[in-house]
Amino acid sequence: MDHKSVAERVLQDVGGVGNIRAAAHCATRLRLVLKNQDSVDQSAIDNDEDLKGSFLNAGQFQIIVGPGDVNEVFK
């Protein structure tokens, strides 16, 4: 996995860095609080071969990256 490329695609698919209010991660997922959920291309994220899916939970848009890789993508 090319972590930088994945990070760039995620940023584009969530509507750009300007659409992110806050970002964090857990052991397997990126956790994003977004300004405008409608700007997300969830289909692109869910169909990205390097990502394992996404969902909205408790106001956070969460993207499943996987253990180990999530730390590098978050950087």
Protein backbone atom coordinates (compact mmCIF):
# COMPACT_ATOMS: atom_id res chain seq x y z
CA MET A 1 0.00 0.00 0.00
CA ASP A 2 1.27 3.45 -0.92
CA HIS A 3 0.22 5.33 2.22
CA LYS A 4 0.73 8.80 0.75
CA SER A 5 -1.40 7.97 -2.29
CA VAL A 6 -4.16 6.55 -0.08
CA ALA A 7 -4.10 9.68 2.09
CA GLU A 8 -4.35 11.91 -0.99
CA ARG A 9 -7.32 9.91 -2.33
CA VAL A 10 -9.06 10.02 1.05
CA LEU A 11 -8.62 13.79 1.26
CA GLN A 12 -10.06 14.22 -2.22
CA ASP A 13 -12.97 11.84 -1.54
CA VAL A 14 -14.02 13.57 1.69
CA GLY A 15 -14.22 16.96 -0.01
CA GLY A 16 -10.72 18.24 0.63
CA VAL A 17 -8.83 19.31 3.71
CA GLY A 18 -11.14 22.31 4.06
CA ASN A 19 -14.07 19.99 4.75
CA ILE A 20 -12.41 18.40 7.79
CA ARG A 21 -13.18 19.88 11.21
CA ALA A 22 -11.21 17.29 13.18
CA ALA A 23 -9.26 14.12 12.46
CA ALA A 24 -8.13 11.23 14.64
CA HIS A 25 -7.63 7.51 14.33
CA CYS A 26 -8.00 4.33 16.32
CA ALA A 27 -6.27 0.99 15.71
CA THR A 28 -7.97 0.39 12.36
CA ARG A 29 -10.00 3.46 11.30
CA LEU A 30 -9.61 7.10 10.37
CA ARG A 31 -12.19 9.13 12.30
CA LEU A 32 -13.17 12.40 10.67
CA VAL A 33 -15.57 15.11 11.78
CA LEU A 34 -16.64 16.83 8.59
CA LYS A 35 -18.16 20.24 7.90
CA ASN A 36 -20.37 18.95 5.08
CA GLN A 37 -21.17 15.24 4.84
CA ASP A 38 -22.73 15.82 1.41
CA SER A 39 -19.27 16.55 -0.03
CA VAL A 40 -18.13 12.96 0.59
CA ASP A 41 -17.78 10.54 -2.31
CA GLN A 42 -18.53 7.50 -0.17
CA SER A 43 -18.77 5.25 -3.22
CA ALA A 44 -15.18 6.08 -4.17
CA ILE A 45 -14.00 5.30 -0.64
CA ASP A 46 -15.98 2.06 -0.42
CA ASN A 47 -14.64 0.92 -3.81
CA ASP A 48 -11.00 1.84 -3.14
CA GLU A 49 -9.00 -1.39 -3.14
CA ASP A 50 -6.73 -0.12 -0.35
CA LEU A 51 -9.61 0.72 2.00
CA LYS A 52 -12.02 -1.67 3.67
CA GLY A 53 -15.12 0.53 3.79
CA SER A 54 -16.65 3.49 5.57
CA PHE A 55 -19.58 4.47 7.73
CA LEU A 56 -21.03 7.36 9.73
CA ASN A 57 -21.24 6.88 13.50
CA ALA A 58 -21.86 9.42 16.26
CA GLY A 59 -21.09 12.36 13.97
CA GLN A 60 -17.81 10.86 12.78
CA PHE A 61 -17.18 9.65 9.26
CA GLN A 62 -15.04 6.57 9.80
CA ILE A 63 -12.89 4.98 7.12
CA ILE A 64 -11.60 1.47 7.72
CA VAL A 65 -7.95 1.33 6.69
CA GLY A 66 -6.60 -1.58 8.74
CA PRO A 67 -4.14 -2.11 11.58
CA GLY A 68 -0.68 -0.66 11.05
CA ASP A 69 -1.60 1.08 7.81
CA VAL A 70 -3.95 3.56 9.50
CA ASN A 71 -1.04 5.13 11.41
CA GLU A 72 0.87 5.79 8.19
CA VAL A 73 -2.15 7.09 6.26
CA PHE A 74 -2.99 9.45 9.15
CA LYS A 75 0.47 11.07 9.06
